[in-house]
C-alpha atoms as a PDB file:
ATOM      1  CA  UNK A   1     -33.784  13.054   1.410  1.00  0.00           C
ATOM      2  CA  UNK A   2     -30.743  15.140   2.373  1.00  0.00           C
ATOM      3  CA  UNK A   3     -30.176  12.786   5.306  1.00  0.00           C
ATOM      4  CA  UNK A   4     -30.510   9.680   3.091  1.00  0.00           C
ATOM      5  CA  UNK A   5     -27.753  11.038   0.729  1.00  0.00           C
ATOM      6  CA  UNK A   6     -25.578  11.689   3.595  1.00  0.00           C
ATOM      7  CA  UNK A   7     -26.035   8.229   5.068  1.00  0.00           C
ATOM      8  CA  UNK A   8     -25.320   6.742   1.527  1.00  0.00           C
ATOM      9  CA  UNK A   9     -22.188   8.926   1.229  1.00  0.00           C
ATOM     10  CA  UNK A  10     -21.115   7.956   4.615  1.00  0.00           C
ATOM     11  CA  UNK A  11     -21.520   4.306   3.858  1.00  0.00           C
ATOM     12  CA  UNK A  12     -19.594   4.749   0.621  1.00  0.00           C
ATOM     13  CA  UNK A  13     -16.794   6.556   2.437  1.00  0.00           C
ATOM     14  CA  UNK A  14     -16.588   3.829   5.120  1.00  0.00           C
ATOM     15  CA  UNK A  15     -16.471   0.992   2.433  1.00  0.00           C
ATOM     16  CA  UNK A  16     -13.949   2.878   0.423  1.00  0.00           C
ATOM     17  CA  UNK A  17     -11.564   3.011   3.401  1.00  0.00           C
ATOM     18  CA  UNK A  18     -12.225  -0.635   4.212  1.00  0.00           C
ATOM     19  CA  UNK A  19     -11.228  -1.472   0.611  1.00  0.00           C
ATOM     20  CA  UNK A  20      -8.092   0.554   0.979  1.00  0.00           C
ATOM     21  CA  UNK A  21      -7.332  -1.125   4.358  1.00  0.00           C
ATOM     22  CA  UNK A  22      -7.447  -4.581   2.821  1.00  0.00           C
ATOM     23  CA  UNK A  23      -5.483  -3.287  -0.163  1.00  0.00           C
ATOM     24  CA  UNK A  24      -2.628  -2.235   2.258  1.00  0.00           C
ATOM     25  CA  UNK A  25      -2.582  -5.663   3.901  1.00  0.00           C
ATOM     26  CA  UNK A  26      -2.133  -7.089   0.369  1.00  0.00           C
ATOM     27  CA  UNK A  27       0.751  -4.689  -0.172  1.00  0.00           C
ATOM     28  CA  UNK A  28       2.378  -6.176   2.758  1.00  0.00           C
ATOM     29  CA  UNK A  29       1.942  -9.761   1.890  1.00  0.00           C
ATOM     30  CA  UNK A  30       1.934  -9.758  -2.001  1.00  0.00           C
ATOM     31  CA  UNK A  31       3.456  -6.429  -3.096  1.00  0.00           C
ATOM     32  CA  UNK A  32       1.829  -3.686  -5.219  1.00  0.00           C
ATOM     33  CA  UNK A  33       2.284  -5.537  -8.472  1.00  0.00           C
ATOM     34  CA  UNK A  34      -0.142  -8.316  -7.311  1.00  0.00           C
ATOM     35  CA  UNK A  35      -2.803  -6.052  -5.898  1.00  0.00           C
ATOM     36  CA  UNK A  36      -6.132  -7.727  -6.793  1.00  0.00           C
ATOM     37  CA  UNK A  37      -9.541  -6.193  -6.821  1.00  0.00           C
ATOM     38  CA  UNK A  38     -10.971  -9.560  -7.032  1.00  0.00           C
ATOM     39  CA  UNK A  39      -9.260 -10.720  -4.044  1.00  0.00           C
ATOM     40  CA  UNK A  40     -10.378  -7.729  -2.020  1.00  0.00           C
ATOM     41  CA  UNK A  41     -13.905  -8.194  -3.149  1.00  0.00           C
ATOM     42  CA  UNK A  42     -13.895 -11.778  -1.760  1.00  0.00           C
ATOM     43  CA  UNK A  43     -12.434 -10.682   1.429  1.00  0.00           C
ATOM     44  CA  UNK A  44     -15.313  -8.063   1.784  1.00  0.00           C
ATOM     45  CA  UNK A  45     -17.952 -10.701   0.786  1.00  0.00           C
ATOM     46  CA  UNK A  46     -18.917  -8.624  -2.287  1.00  0.00           C
ATOM     47  CA  UNK A  47     -19.479  -9.688  -5.785  1.00  0.00           C
ATOM     48  CA  UNK A  48     -16.555  -8.803  -7.857  1.00  0.00           C
ATOM     49  CA  UNK A  49     -18.340  -6.335 -10.041  1.00  0.00           C
ATOM     50  CA  UNK A  50     -19.485  -4.234  -7.057  1.00  0.00           C
ATOM     51  CA  UNK A  51     -15.880  -3.187  -6.090  1.00  0.00           C
ATOM     52  CA  UNK A  52     -15.565  -1.563  -9.568  1.00  0.00           C
ATOM     53  CA  UNK A  53     -18.039   1.089  -8.518  1.00  0.00           C
ATOM     54  CA  UNK A  54     -15.608   2.255  -5.963  1.00  0.00           C
ATOM     55  CA  UNK A  55     -12.315   1.745  -7.929  1.00  0.00           C
ATOM     56  CA  UNK A  56     -12.828   1.123 -11.663  1.00  0.00           C
ATOM     57  CA  UNK A  57      -9.455  -0.383 -11.969  1.00  0.00           C
ATOM     58  CA  UNK A  58      -6.366  -1.627 -10.078  1.00  0.00           C
ATOM     59  CA  UNK A  59      -4.583   1.511 -11.144  1.00  0.00           C
ATOM     60  CA  UNK A  60      -7.305   3.738  -9.577  1.00  0.00           C
ATOM     61  CA  UNK A  61      -6.833   1.900  -6.338  1.00  0.00           C
ATOM     62  CA  UNK A  62      -3.067   2.028  -6.468  1.00  0.00           C
ATOM     63  CA  UNK A  63      -3.476   5.854  -7.192  1.00  0.00           C
ATOM     64  CA  UNK A  64      -5.619   6.256  -4.074  1.00  0.00           C
ATOM     65  CA  UNK A  65      -3.129   4.470  -1.937  1.00  0.00           C
ATOM     66  CA  UNK A  66      -0.185   6.399  -3.248  1.00  0.00           C
ATOM     67  CA  UNK A  67      -1.887   9.689  -2.744  1.00  0.00           C
ATOM     68  CA  UNK A  68      -2.723   8.571   0.977  1.00  0.00           C
ATOM     69  CA  UNK A  69       0.855   7.423   1.618  1.00  0.00           C
ATOM     70  CA  UNK A  70       2.296  10.774   0.326  1.00  0.00           C
ATOM     71  CA  UNK A  71      -0.341  12.612   2.482  1.00  0.00           C
ATOM     72  CA  UNK A  72       0.443  10.644   5.491  1.00  0.00           C
ATOM     73  CA  UNK A  73       4.133  11.325   5.086  1.00  0.00           C
ATOM     74  CA  UNK A  74       3.536  14.955   4.453  1.00  0.00           C
ATOM     75  CA  UNK A  75       1.247  15.204   7.633  1.00  0.00           C
ATOM     76  CA  UNK A  76       3.981  13.644   9.781  1.00  0.00           C
ATOM     77  CA  UNK A  77       6.677  15.845   8.397  1.00  0.00           C
ATOM     78  CA  UNK A  78       4.665  19.142   8.821  1.00  0.00           C
ATOM     79  CA  UNK A  79       3.619  18.003  12.435  1.00  0.00           C
ATOM     80  CA  UNK A  80       7.262  17.730  13.391  1.00  0.00           C
ATOM     81  CA  UNK A  81       7.884  21.450  12.843  1.00  0.00           C
ATOM     82  CA  UNK A  82       6.959  23.686  15.833  1.00  0.00           C
ATOM     83  CA  UNK A  83       4.948  26.758  14.680  1.00  0.00           C
ATOM     84  CA  UNK A  84       7.157  29.189  16.572  1.00  0.00           C
ATOM     85  CA  UNK A  85      10.655  27.478  15.931  1.00  0.00           C
ATOM     86  CA  UNK A  86      13.600  29.736  16.391  1.00  0.00           C
ATOM     87  CA  UNK A  87      16.357  27.704  14.505  1.00  0.00           C
ATOM     88  CA  UNK A  88      15.643  26.434  11.032  1.00  0.00           C
ATOM     89  CA  UNK A  89      18.401  23.874  11.496  1.00  0.00           C
ATOM     90  CA  UNK A  90      16.160  22.280  14.319  1.00  0.00           C
ATOM     91  CA  UNK A  91      13.180  22.243  12.312  1.00  0.00           C
ATOM     92  CA  UNK A  92      15.159  20.731   9.401  1.00  0.00           C
ATOM     93  CA  UNK A  93      16.622  17.934  11.435  1.00  0.00           C
ATOM     94  CA  UNK A  94      13.066  17.285  12.996  1.00  0.00           C
ATOM     95  CA  UNK A  95      11.471  16.887   9.440  1.00  0.00           C
ATOM     96  CA  UNK A  96      14.156  14.489   8.358  1.00  0.00           C
ATOM     97  CA  UNK A  97      13.760  12.388  11.567  1.00  0.00           C
ATOM     98  CA  UNK A  98      10.053  12.477  11.017  1.00  0.00           C
ATOM     99  CA  UNK A  99      10.363  11.193   7.416  1.00  0.00           C
ATOM    100  CA  UNK A 100      12.650   8.409   8.603  1.00  0.00           C
ATOM    101  CA  UNK A 101      10.162   7.614  11.540  1.00  0.00           C
ATOM    102  CA  UNK A 102       7.145   7.349   9.197  1.00  0.00           C
ATOM    103  CA  UNK A 103       9.148   5.114   6.736  1.00  0.00           C
ATOM    104  CA  UNK A 104      10.294   2.733   9.431  1.00  0.00           C
ATOM    105  CA  UNK A 105       6.566   2.556  10.848  1.00  0.00           C
ATOM    106  CA  UNK A 106       5.014   2.110   7.359  1.00  0.00           C
ATOM    107  CA  UNK A 107       7.582   0.249   5.230  1.00  0.00           C
ATOM    108  CA  UNK A 108       5.141  -1.183   2.717  1.00  0.00           C
ATOM    109  CA  UNK A 109       3.549   2.154   1.984  1.00  0.00           C
ATOM    110  CA  UNK A 110       7.061   3.578   1.802  1.00  0.00           C
ATOM    111  CA  UNK A 111       7.992   0.949  -0.747  1.00  0.00           C
ATOM    112  CA  UNK A 112       4.905   1.758  -2.799  1.00  0.00           C
ATOM    113  CA  UNK A 113       5.901   5.422  -3.307  1.00  0.00           C
ATOM    114  CA  UNK A 114       9.732   5.253  -3.147  1.00  0.00           C
ATOM    115  CA  UNK A 115      10.350   1.548  -4.021  1.00  0.00           C
ATOM    116  CA  UNK A 116      10.630  -0.132  -7.415  1.00  0.00           C
ATOM    117  CA  UNK A 117       8.269   1.109 -10.352  1.00  0.00           C
ATOM    118  CA  UNK A 118       4.978  -1.062 -10.621  1.00  0.00           C
ATOM    119  CA  UNK A 119       4.934  -2.759 -13.981  1.00  0.00           C
ATOM    120  CA  UNK A 120       2.129  -1.250 -16.272  1.00  0.00           C
ATOM    121  CA  UNK A 121       1.273   1.578 -13.853  1.00  0.00           C
ATOM    122  CA  UNK A 122       1.625   5.248 -14.671  1.00  0.00           C
ATOM    123  CA  UNK A 123       1.032   7.583 -11.842  1.00  0.00           C
ATOM    124  CA  UNK A 124      -1.293  10.504 -12.846  1.00  0.00           C
ATOM    125  CA  UNK A 125      -0.860  14.115 -12.246  1.00  0.00           C
ATOM    126  CA  UNK A 126      -3.127  13.976  -9.105  1.00  0.00           C
ATOM    127  CA  UNK A 127      -0.233  12.402  -7.274  1.00  0.00           C
ATOM    128  CA  UNK A 128       2.275  15.376  -7.816  1.00  0.00           C
ATOM    129  CA  UNK A 129       0.847  17.709  -5.190  1.00  0.00           C
ATOM    130  CA  UNK A 130       0.838  15.155  -2.341  1.00  0.00           C
ATOM    131  CA  UNK A 131       4.278  14.064  -3.416  1.00  0.00           C
ATOM    132  CA  UNK A 132       5.515  17.629  -3.103  1.00  0.00           C
ATOM    133  CA  UNK A 133       4.486  18.148   0.404  1.00  0.00           C
ATOM    134  CA  UNK A 134       7.890  17.316   2.062  1.00  0.00           C
ATOM    135  CA  UNK A 135      10.032  19.066  -0.403  1.00  0.00           C
ATOM    136  CA  UNK A 136       7.851  22.260  -0.284  1.00  0.00           C
ATOM    137  CA  UNK A 137       8.202  21.950   3.443  1.00  0.00           C
ATOM    138  CA  UNK A 138      11.944  21.887   3.394  1.00  0.00           C
ATOM    139  CA  UNK A 139      12.063  24.700   0.756  1.00  0.00           C
ATOM    140  CA  UNK A 140       9.898  26.831   3.054  1.00  0.00           C
ATOM    141  CA  UNK A 141      12.421  26.171   6.028  1.00  0.00           C
ATOM    142  CA  UNK A 142      15.277  27.329   3.772  1.00  0.00           C
ATOM    143  CA  UNK A 143      13.245  30.394   2.491  1.00  0.00           C
ATOM    144  CA  UNK A 144      12.688  31.467   6.101  1.00  0.00           C
ATOM    145  CA  UNK A 145      16.332  30.832   7.180  1.00  0.00           C
ATOM    146  CA  UNK A 146      17.362  33.066   4.311  1.00  0.00           C
ATOM    147  CA  UNK A 147      14.886  35.755   5.314  1.00  0.00           C
ATOM    148  CA  UNK A 148      16.105  35.535   9.048  1.00  0.00           C
ATOM    149  CA  UNK A 149      19.849  35.602   8.208  1.00  0.00           C
ATOM    150  CA  UNK A 150      20.361  31.949   9.173  1.00  0.00           C
ATOM    151  CA  UNK A 151      21.362  30.589   5.694  1.00  0.00           C
ATOM    152  CA  UNK A 152      24.824  30.886   4.569  1.00  0.00           C
ATOM    153  CA  UNK A 153      25.626  29.956   0.875  1.00  0.00           C
ATOM    154  CA  UNK A 154      28.499  27.467   1.105  1.00  0.00           C
ATOM    155  CA  UNK A 155      31.464  28.975  -0.702  1.00  0.00           C
ATOM    156  CA  UNK A 156      32.034  25.858  -2.799  1.00  0.00           C
ATOM    157  CA  UNK A 157      28.458  25.745  -4.208  1.00  0.00           C
ATOM    158  CA  UNK A 158      28.641  26.343  -7.924  1.00  0.00           C
ATOM    159  CA  UNK A 159      26.099  28.636  -9.558  1.00  0.00           C
ATOM    160  CA  UNK A 160      23.945  26.533 -11.928  1.00  0.00           C
ATOM    161  CA  UNK A 161      24.189  27.042 -15.598  1.00  0.00           C
ATOM    162  CA  UNK A 162      22.826  25.613 -18.847  1.00  0.00           C
ATOM    163  CA  UNK A 163      20.117  23.146 -18.578  1.00  0.00           C
ATOM    164  CA  UNK A 164      20.501  22.992 -14.751  1.00  0.00           C
ATOM    165  CA  UNK A 165      19.825  26.767 -14.434  1.00  0.00           C
ATOM    166  CA  UNK A 166      16.703  26.367 -16.431  1.00  0.00           C
ATOM    167  CA  UNK A 167      15.645  23.386 -14.350  1.00  0.00           C
ATOM    168  CA  UNK A 168      16.206  25.069 -11.053  1.00  0.00           C
ATOM    169  CA  UNK A 169      13.640  27.797 -11.788  1.00  0.00           C
ATOM    170  CA  UNK A 170      10.980  25.446 -10.762  1.00  0.00           C
ATOM    171  CA  UNK A 171      12.323  25.472  -7.352  1.00  0.00           C
ATOM    172  CA  UNK A 172      12.933  29.378  -7.560  1.00  0.00           C
ATOM    173  CA  UNK A 173       9.158  29.876  -7.955  1.00  0.00           C
ATOM    174  CA  UNK A 174       8.526  27.860  -4.606  1.00  0.00           C
ATOM    175  CA  UNK A 175      11.396  29.500  -2.654  1.00  0.00           C
ATOM    176  CA  UNK A 176      12.208  32.845  -4.262  1.00  0.00           C
ATOM    177  CA  UNK A 177      14.448  34.027  -1.481  1.00  0.00           C
ATOM    178  CA  UNK A 178      16.778  30.865  -1.654  1.00  0.00           C
ATOM    179  CA  UNK A 179      19.915  31.332  -3.972  1.00  0.00           C
ATOM    180  CA  UNK A 180      19.982  29.009  -6.992  1.00  0.00           C
ATOM    181  CA  UNK A 181      23.186  27.216  -5.682  1.00  0.00           C
ATOM    182  CA  UNK A 182      21.487  26.209  -2.440  1.00  0.00           C
ATOM    183  CA  UNK A 183      18.332  25.083  -4.447  1.00  0.00           C
ATOM    184  CA  UNK A 184      20.443  22.630  -6.403  1.00  0.00           C
ATOM    185  CA  UNK A 185      21.988  21.260  -3.265  1.00  0.00           C
ATOM    186  CA  UNK A 186      18.502  20.871  -1.739  1.00  0.00           C
ATOM    187  CA  UNK A 187      17.569  18.419  -4.474  1.00  0.00           C
ATOM    188  CA  UNK A 188      20.931  16.528  -3.768  1.00  0.00           C
ATOM    189  CA  UNK A 189      20.056  16.363  -0.146  1.00  0.00           C
ATOM    190  CA  UNK A 190      16.510  15.398  -1.053  1.00  0.00           C
ATOM    191  CA  UNK A 191      17.826  12.239  -2.982  1.00  0.00           C
ATOM    192  CA  UNK A 192      20.388  11.618  -0.207  1.00  0.00           C
ATOM    193  CA  UNK A 193      17.687  11.646   2.530  1.00  0.00           C
ATOM    194  CA  UNK A 194      15.490   9.049   0.662  1.00  0.00           C
ATOM    195  CA  UNK A 195      18.367   7.048  -0.631  1.00  0.00           C
ATOM    196  CA  UNK A 196      19.700   6.606   3.021  1.00  0.00           C
ATOM    197  CA  UNK A 197      16.168   5.690   4.276  1.00  0.00           C
ATOM    198  CA  UNK A 198      15.765   3.079   1.351  1.00  0.00           C
ATOM    199  CA  UNK A 199      19.220   1.659   2.266  1.00  0.00           C
ATOM    200  CA  UNK A 200      18.048   1.189   5.827  1.00  0.00           C
ATOM    201  CA  UNK A 201      14.693  -0.197   5.077  1.00  0.00           C
ATOM    202  CA  UNK A 202      15.786  -2.563   2.423  1.00  0.00           C
ATOM    203  CA  UNK A 203      18.799  -4.007   4.306  1.00  0.00           C
ATOM    204  CA  UNK A 204      21.592  -2.464   2.573  1.00  0.00           C
ATOM    205  CA  UNK A 205      23.231  -1.019   5.752  1.00  0.00           C
ATOM    206  CA  UNK A 206      23.397  -4.449   7.494  1.00  0.00           C
ATOM    207  CA  UNK A 207      27.000  -5.152   8.441  1.00  0.00           C
ATOM    208  CA  UNK A 208      27.977  -1.580   8.272  1.00  0.00           C
ATOM    209  CA  UNK A 209      25.875   1.374   9.753  1.00  0.00           C
ATOM    210  CA  UNK A 210      23.272  -0.923  11.335  1.00  0.00           C
ATOM    211  CA  UNK A 211      21.583   0.092  13.565  1.00  0.00           C
ATOM    212  CA  UNK A 212      21.479   3.392  11.653  1.00  0.00           C
ATOM    213  CA  UNK A 213      20.435   5.991  14.400  1.00  0.00           C
ATOM    214  CA  UNK A 214      23.860   7.488  14.769  1.00  0.00           C
ATOM    215  CA  UNK A 215      24.657   7.446  10.861  1.00  0.00           C
ATOM    216  CA  UNK A 216      21.213   9.125  10.273  1.00  0.00           C
ATOM    217  CA  UNK A 217      21.775  11.721  12.861  1.00  0.00           C
ATOM    218  CA  UNK A 218      25.290  12.531  11.636  1.00  0.00           C
ATOM    219  CA  UNK A 219      24.361  12.610   8.014  1.00  0.00           C
ATOM    220  CA  UNK A 220      21.168  14.875   8.280  1.00  0.00           C
ATOM    221  CA  UNK A 221      23.503  17.274  10.213  1.00  0.00           C
ATOM    222  CA  UNK A 222      26.014  17.127   7.429  1.00  0.00           C
ATOM    223  CA  UNK A 223      23.281  17.686   4.756  1.00  0.00           C
ATOM    224  CA  UNK A 224      22.023  20.769   6.651  1.00  0.00           C
ATOM    225  CA  UNK A 225      25.596  22.216   6.554  1.00  0.00           C
ATOM    226  CA  UNK A 226      25.670  21.304   2.895  1.00  0.00           C
ATOM    227  CA  UNK A 227      22.649  23.547   2.078  1.00  0.00           C
ATOM    228  CA  UNK A 228      23.833  26.297   4.305  1.00  0.00           C
ATOM    229  CA  UNK A 229      22.226  25.731   7.692  1.00  0.00           C
ATOM    230  CA  UNK A 230      24.481  25.666  10.628  1.00  0.00           C
END
């Protein structure tokens, strides 16, 4: 009986992955807004009602794809950091490069998580932890740099006050050793990193910084200095 349940679970897991694979192909051809469970069921040769046992709605399937994309990006970023790295700057640059490499290799999944909002879709709380993997990784690098004496707070980084001081407390809990001015700058850098990648992927750098290799390398080094890594 246990073996039978295991076989059923394995078959369900395999079909779930097949559904998501077809859905990713749909993302590439039709976009997230036109993701269709019925079309996927037709491609699988299933009756349309059967697919709802795996994903009760389009939004459930979208959520699964979003979580997979965030996790894949997080794994790529984490794999770029050598376990025994000496210089946080090198690890920081490696993470930034890994994020860009993943985005360029998976543009449709990148667009799913960092592109235009999907009409009618509201991401559930279950997407928050996967989405946090890369920023938590960067904050960890800064926390270690601070502990190792390799983080210097830029002299022109203002101390946050008012609402900003309250908001930054969320990051203080994740990287308690990093000074608040640097934490604010980390969020600035975070938005800069993904804005730069989006500009590249969506063709906004054509005619200027295209190809973007040298621009990306220069910018990520300047962003590292902006948060106090040298």
